[in-house]
Amino acid sequence: MTPGAPPRIDLRAARRADVPVILAFVRELAEYERLADAVVADAASFETALFGPRPDAEVVIAEVDGEAAGFALFFHSFSTFLGRRGLYLEDLYVRPAHRGHGVGKRLMTHLAALAVERGCGRFEWSVLDWNAPAIGFYRAIGAVGQDGWTVQRLDGEALRALAASARVTP
């Protein structure tokens, strides 16, 4: 790279060989979000989820001057109110050395264009309420917080217990 020149940012769809770097990005993001202990995914689970017979999600890799700098992992959702699918961003991560150089914005504009191209009615994601830098970034690109909505989740034992109750006859 020429001194003073902006870095070259290239985006590409992830390939099977990218699974180790995707897993590294996920672990780095979890560390940043103070959730490192929550990561149980491994290379095999990502290989199946991203490149198996029926992929669950897609990944775009951002490279800066040929080096993996960040990623976006996304999948399709569906809005009954719109009667159309949406694009849901599960994770966006840019390595600290590459922040502030347009990598995150390139990933987000790419996903917005992909959502429009695929006929999606919305592009949405969640952000931790304490993550002021991310919230500021999202506001700067035009995102609007969805006040009045809270994320609900069943996992672990609560998920298994509810599922087991479906097999109980009254």
C-alpha atoms as a PDB file:
ATOM      1  CA  MET A   1       0.000   0.000   0.000  1.00  0.00           C
ATOM      2  CA  THR A   2       1.264   3.453  -0.882  1.00  0.00           C
ATOM      3  CA  PRO A   3       1.764   5.650   2.210  1.00  0.00           C
ATOM      4  CA  GLY A   4      -1.231   7.949   2.658  1.00  0.00           C
ATOM      5  CA  ALA A   5      -3.326   5.980   0.154  1.00  0.00           C
ATOM      6  CA  PRO A   6      -6.611   4.517   1.410  1.00  0.00           C
ATOM      7  CA  PRO A   7      -6.477   0.775   2.004  1.00  0.00           C
ATOM      8  CA  ARG A   8      -7.842  -1.510  -0.687  1.00  0.00           C
ATOM      9  CA  ILE A   9     -10.993  -3.176   0.648  1.00  0.00           C
ATOM     10  CA  ASP A  10     -12.290  -6.225  -1.199  1.00  0.00           C
ATOM     11  CA  LEU A  11     -15.420  -8.184  -0.315  1.00  0.00           C
ATOM     12  CA  ARG A  12     -16.072 -11.765  -1.279  1.00  0.00           C
ATOM     13  CA  ALA A  13     -18.345 -14.646  -0.408  1.00  0.00           C
ATOM     14  CA  ALA A  14     -16.766 -17.010   2.098  1.00  0.00           C
ATOM     15  CA  ARG A  15     -15.417 -20.316   0.890  1.00  0.00           C
ATOM     16  CA  ARG A  16     -15.096 -23.604   2.732  1.00  0.00           C
ATOM     17  CA  ALA A  17     -11.386 -22.875   3.295  1.00  0.00           C
ATOM     18  CA  ASP A  18     -12.408 -19.731   5.248  1.00  0.00           C
ATOM     19  CA  VAL A  19     -13.994 -21.685   8.118  1.00  0.00           C
ATOM     20  CA  PRO A  20     -10.939 -21.244  10.415  1.00  0.00           C
ATOM     21  CA  VAL A  21     -10.879 -17.458   9.898  1.00  0.00           C
ATOM     22  CA  ILE A  22     -14.675 -17.237  10.360  1.00  0.00           C
ATOM     23  CA  LEU A  23     -14.361 -19.114  13.652  1.00  0.00           C
ATOM     24  CA  ALA A  24     -11.500 -16.796  14.680  1.00  0.00           C
ATOM     25  CA  PHE A  25     -13.686 -13.748  13.872  1.00  0.00           C
ATOM     26  CA  VAL A  26     -16.545 -15.193  15.942  1.00  0.00           C
ATOM     27  CA  ARG A  27     -14.240 -15.797  18.899  1.00  0.00           C
ATOM     28  CA  GLU A  28     -12.766 -12.281  18.627  1.00  0.00           C
ATOM     29  CA  LEU A  29     -16.264 -10.781  18.468  1.00  0.00           C
ATOM     30  CA  ALA A  30     -17.377 -12.835  21.481  1.00  0.00           C
ATOM     31  CA  GLU A  31     -14.357 -11.611  23.417  1.00  0.00           C
ATOM     32  CA  TYR A  32     -15.226  -7.998  22.546  1.00  0.00           C
ATOM     33  CA  GLU A  33     -18.853  -8.545  23.560  1.00  0.00           C
ATOM     34  CA  ARG A  34     -17.752 -10.146  26.860  1.00  0.00           C
ATOM     35  CA  LEU A  35     -19.356 -13.421  25.799  1.00  0.00           C
ATOM     36  CA  ALA A  36     -16.312 -15.605  25.103  1.00  0.00           C
ATOM     37  CA  ASP A  37     -17.656 -18.400  27.320  1.00  0.00           C
ATOM     38  CA  ALA A  38     -20.811 -18.599  25.191  1.00  0.00           C
ATOM     39  CA  VAL A  39     -18.997 -19.749  22.037  1.00  0.00           C
ATOM     40  CA  VAL A  40     -19.488 -23.475  21.582  1.00  0.00           C
ATOM     41  CA  ALA A  41     -19.364 -23.484  17.766  1.00  0.00           C
ATOM     42  CA  ASP A  42     -16.487 -25.295  16.148  1.00  0.00           C
ATOM     43  CA  ALA A  43     -15.138 -25.695  12.631  1.00  0.00           C
ATOM     44  CA  ALA A  44     -17.378 -28.692  11.929  1.00  0.00           C
ATOM     45  CA  SER A  45     -20.551 -26.851  12.923  1.00  0.00           C
ATOM     46  CA  PHE A  46     -19.639 -23.877  10.720  1.00  0.00           C
ATOM     47  CA  GLU A  47     -18.709 -26.151   7.845  1.00  0.00           C
ATOM     48  CA  THR A  48     -22.162 -27.766   7.963  1.00  0.00           C
ATOM     49  CA  ALA A  49     -24.090 -24.544   8.626  1.00  0.00           C
ATOM     50  CA  LEU A  50     -22.400 -22.548   5.883  1.00  0.00           C
ATOM     51  CA  PHE A  51     -21.441 -25.126   3.246  1.00  0.00           C
ATOM     52  CA  GLY A  52     -23.617 -28.179   3.894  1.00  0.00           C
ATOM     53  CA  PRO A  53     -26.391 -29.443   1.634  1.00  0.00           C
ATOM     54  CA  ARG A  54     -28.838 -26.823   2.959  1.00  0.00           C
ATOM     55  CA  PRO A  55     -26.847 -23.796   4.196  1.00  0.00           C
ATOM     56  CA  ASP A  56     -28.317 -21.947   7.164  1.00  0.00           C
ATOM     57  CA  ALA A  57     -26.387 -18.721   6.678  1.00  0.00           C
ATOM     58  CA  GLU A  58     -23.965 -16.894   4.414  1.00  0.00           C
ATOM     59  CA  VAL A  59     -20.754 -15.015   5.126  1.00  0.00           C
ATOM     60  CA  VAL A  60     -19.052 -12.127   3.378  1.00  0.00           C
ATOM     61  CA  ILE A  61     -15.352 -11.692   4.114  1.00  0.00           C
ATOM     62  CA  ALA A  62     -13.738  -8.244   3.964  1.00  0.00           C
ATOM     63  CA  GLU A  63     -10.076  -8.176   3.030  1.00  0.00           C
ATOM     64  CA  VAL A  64      -7.829  -5.153   3.382  1.00  0.00           C
ATOM     65  CA  ASP A  65      -4.830  -5.299   1.116  1.00  0.00           C
ATOM     66  CA  GLY A  66      -5.331  -9.078   0.906  1.00  0.00           C
ATOM     67  CA  GLU A  67      -5.605  -9.654   4.678  1.00  0.00           C
ATOM     68  CA  ALA A  68      -8.842 -10.884   6.291  1.00  0.00           C
ATOM     69  CA  ALA A  69     -10.070  -7.817   8.178  1.00  0.00           C
ATOM     70  CA  GLY A  70     -13.708  -8.521   9.004  1.00  0.00           C
ATOM     71  CA  PHE A  71     -16.855 -10.416   8.185  1.00  0.00           C
ATOM     72  CA  ALA A  72     -20.621 -10.318   8.115  1.00  0.00           C
ATOM     73  CA  LEU A  73     -22.685 -13.440   8.777  1.00  0.00           C
ATOM     74  CA  PHE A  74     -26.322 -13.224   7.688  1.00  0.00           C
ATOM     75  CA  PHE A  75     -29.398 -15.239   6.780  1.00  0.00           C
ATOM     76  CA  HIS A  76     -32.927 -14.685   5.543  1.00  0.00           C
ATOM     77  CA  SER A  77     -35.845 -14.031   7.849  1.00  0.00           C
ATOM     78  CA  PHE A  78     -39.495 -13.548   6.927  1.00  0.00           C
ATOM     79  CA  SER A  79     -41.938 -10.757   7.755  1.00  0.00           C
ATOM     80  CA  THR A  80     -45.582 -11.785   7.888  1.00  0.00           C
ATOM     81  CA  PHE A  81     -46.573  -8.105   7.930  1.00  0.00           C
ATOM     82  CA  LEU A  82     -44.673  -7.434   4.701  1.00  0.00           C
ATOM     83  CA  GLY A  83     -45.293 -10.862   3.193  1.00  0.00           C
ATOM     84  CA  ARG A  84     -41.635 -10.868   2.133  1.00  0.00           C
ATOM     85  CA  ARG A  85     -38.360 -12.137   3.348  1.00  0.00           C
ATOM     86  CA  GLY A  86     -35.808  -9.971   5.054  1.00  0.00           C
ATOM     87  CA  LEU A  87     -32.089 -10.096   5.531  1.00  0.00           C
ATOM     88  CA  TYR A  88     -30.945 -10.575   9.123  1.00  0.00           C
ATOM     89  CA  LEU A  89     -27.386  -9.711  10.089  1.00  0.00           C
ATOM     90  CA  GLU A  90     -26.297 -12.039  12.876  1.00  0.00           C
ATOM     91  CA  ASP A  91     -22.726 -10.792  13.245  1.00  0.00           C
ATOM     92  CA  LEU A  92     -20.638  -7.920  11.905  1.00  0.00           C
ATOM     93  CA  TYR A  93     -17.034  -7.752  13.032  1.00  0.00           C
ATOM     94  CA  VAL A  94     -14.018  -5.755  11.946  1.00  0.00           C
ATOM     95  CA  ARG A  95     -10.645  -6.375  13.545  1.00  0.00           C
ATOM     96  CA  PRO A  96      -9.453  -3.410  15.637  1.00  0.00           C
ATOM     97  CA  ALA A  97      -6.520  -2.588  13.345  1.00  0.00           C
ATOM     98  CA  HIS A  98      -8.948  -2.065  10.461  1.00  0.00           C
ATOM     99  CA  ARG A  99     -11.674  -0.078  12.218  1.00  0.00           C
ATOM    100  CA  GLY A 100     -12.309   3.474  11.080  1.00  0.00           C
ATOM    101  CA  HIS A 101     -11.200   2.783   7.508  1.00  0.00           C
ATOM    102  CA  GLY A 102     -14.572   2.008   5.943  1.00  0.00           C
ATOM    103  CA  VAL A 103     -14.564  -1.791   6.235  1.00  0.00           C
ATOM    104  CA  GLY A 104     -17.760  -1.960   8.295  1.00  0.00           C
ATOM    105  CA  LYS A 105     -19.533   0.495   6.030  1.00  0.00           C
ATOM    106  CA  ARG A 106     -18.500  -1.496   2.948  1.00  0.00           C
ATOM    107  CA  LEU A 107     -19.907  -4.659   4.497  1.00  0.00           C
ATOM    108  CA  MET A 108     -23.169  -2.939   5.452  1.00  0.00           C
ATOM    109  CA  THR A 109     -23.654  -1.281   2.049  1.00  0.00           C
ATOM    110  CA  HIS A 110     -22.945  -4.616   0.379  1.00  0.00           C
ATOM    111  CA  LEU A 111     -25.587  -6.348   2.498  1.00  0.00           C
ATOM    112  CA  ALA A 112     -28.100  -3.546   1.898  1.00  0.00           C
ATOM    113  CA  ALA A 113     -27.560  -3.892  -1.857  1.00  0.00           C
ATOM    114  CA  LEU A 114     -27.901  -7.671  -1.570  1.00  0.00           C
ATOM    115  CA  ALA A 115     -31.160  -7.279   0.370  1.00  0.00           C
ATOM    116  CA  VAL A 116     -32.568  -4.992  -2.332  1.00  0.00           C
ATOM    117  CA  GLU A 117     -31.343  -7.298  -5.107  1.00  0.00           C
ATOM    118  CA  ARG A 118     -33.014 -10.293  -3.422  1.00  0.00           C
ATOM    119  CA  GLY A 119     -36.313  -8.455  -2.950  1.00  0.00           C
ATOM    120  CA  CYS A 120     -36.080  -8.246   0.827  1.00  0.00           C
ATOM    121  CA  GLY A 121     -38.473  -5.927   2.606  1.00  0.00           C
ATOM    122  CA  ARG A 122     -36.057  -5.133   5.431  1.00  0.00           C
ATOM    123  CA  PHE A 123     -32.501  -5.467   6.658  1.00  0.00           C
ATOM    124  CA  GLU A 124     -32.193  -5.751  10.418  1.00  0.00           C
ATOM    125  CA  TRP A 125     -29.944  -6.811  13.279  1.00  0.00           C
ATOM    126  CA  SER A 126     -29.519  -6.548  17.035  1.00  0.00           C
ATOM    127  CA  VAL A 127     -26.845  -4.656  18.939  1.00  0.00           C
ATOM    128  CA  LEU A 128     -25.926  -4.810  22.610  1.00  0.00           C
ATOM    129  CA  ASP A 129     -27.316  -1.742  24.375  1.00  0.00           C
ATOM    130  CA  TRP A 130     -23.920  -0.874  25.908  1.00  0.00           C
ATOM    131  CA  ASN A 131     -22.068  -0.935  22.567  1.00  0.00           C
ATOM    132  CA  ALA A 132     -22.056   2.823  21.937  1.00  0.00           C
ATOM    133  CA  PRO A 133     -19.489   2.722  19.095  1.00  0.00           C
ATOM    134  CA  ALA A 134     -21.604   0.217  17.146  1.00  0.00           C
ATOM    135  CA  ILE A 135     -24.842   2.094  17.842  1.00  0.00           C
ATOM    136  CA  GLY A 136     -23.227   5.335  16.676  1.00  0.00           C
ATOM    137  CA  PHE A 137     -22.007   3.627  13.503  1.00  0.00           C
ATOM    138  CA  TYR A 138     -25.464   2.217  12.788  1.00  0.00           C
ATOM    139  CA  ARG A 139     -27.127   5.595  13.335  1.00  0.00           C
ATOM    140  CA  ALA A 140     -24.563   7.207  10.995  1.00  0.00           C
ATOM    141  CA  ILE A 141     -25.588   4.870   8.159  1.00  0.00           C
ATOM    142  CA  GLY A 142     -29.293   5.574   8.718  1.00  0.00           C
ATOM    143  CA  ALA A 143     -30.412   2.703  10.949  1.00  0.00           C
ATOM    144  CA  VAL A 144     -33.218   3.337  13.407  1.00  0.00           C
ATOM    145  CA  GLY A 145     -33.546   1.566  16.743  1.00  0.00           C
ATOM    146  CA  GLN A 146     -36.740  -0.387  17.297  1.00  0.00           C
ATOM    147  CA  ASP A 147     -37.913   0.911  20.659  1.00  0.00           C
ATOM    148  CA  GLY A 148     -40.660  -1.082  22.281  1.00  0.00           C
ATOM    149  CA  TRP A 149     -39.254  -4.439  21.178  1.00  0.00           C
ATOM    150  CA  THR A 150     -37.104  -6.742  23.278  1.00  0.00           C
ATOM    151  CA  VAL A 151     -35.331  -9.880  22.166  1.00  0.00           C
ATOM    152  CA  GLN A 152     -36.665 -13.083  23.698  1.00  0.00           C
ATOM    153  CA  ARG A 153     -34.738 -16.341  23.732  1.00  0.00           C
ATOM    154  CA  LEU A 154     -35.105 -19.971  24.710  1.00  0.00           C
ATOM    155  CA  ASP A 155     -31.923 -22.004  24.852  1.00  0.00           C
ATOM    156  CA  GLY A 156     -30.278 -24.757  26.824  1.00  0.00           C
ATOM    157  CA  GLU A 157     -32.465 -26.495  29.386  1.00  0.00           C
ATOM    158  CA  ALA A 158     -35.420 -24.109  28.917  1.00  0.00           C
ATOM    159  CA  LEU A 159     -35.524 -24.945  25.198  1.00  0.00           C
ATOM    160  CA  ARG A 160     -35.298 -28.681  25.854  1.00  0.00           C
ATOM    161  CA  ALA A 161     -38.002 -28.494  28.533  1.00  0.00           C
ATOM    162  CA  LEU A 162     -40.452 -26.688  26.280  1.00  0.00           C
ATOM    163  CA  ALA A 163     -39.740 -29.085  23.427  1.00  0.00           C
ATOM    164  CA  ALA A 164     -40.275 -32.052  25.747  1.00  0.00           C
ATOM    165  CA  SER A 165     -43.644 -30.660  26.802  1.00  0.00           C
ATOM    166  CA  ALA A 166     -44.835 -31.029  23.201  1.00  0.00           C
ATOM    167  CA  ARG A 167     -44.526 -34.797  23.613  1.00  0.00           C
ATOM    168  CA  VAL A 168     -46.619 -34.911  26.780  1.00  0.00           C
ATOM    169  CA  THR A 169     -50.247 -35.856  26.218  1.00  0.00           C
ATOM    170  CA  PRO A 170     -52.824 -34.112  28.445  1.00  0.00           C
END
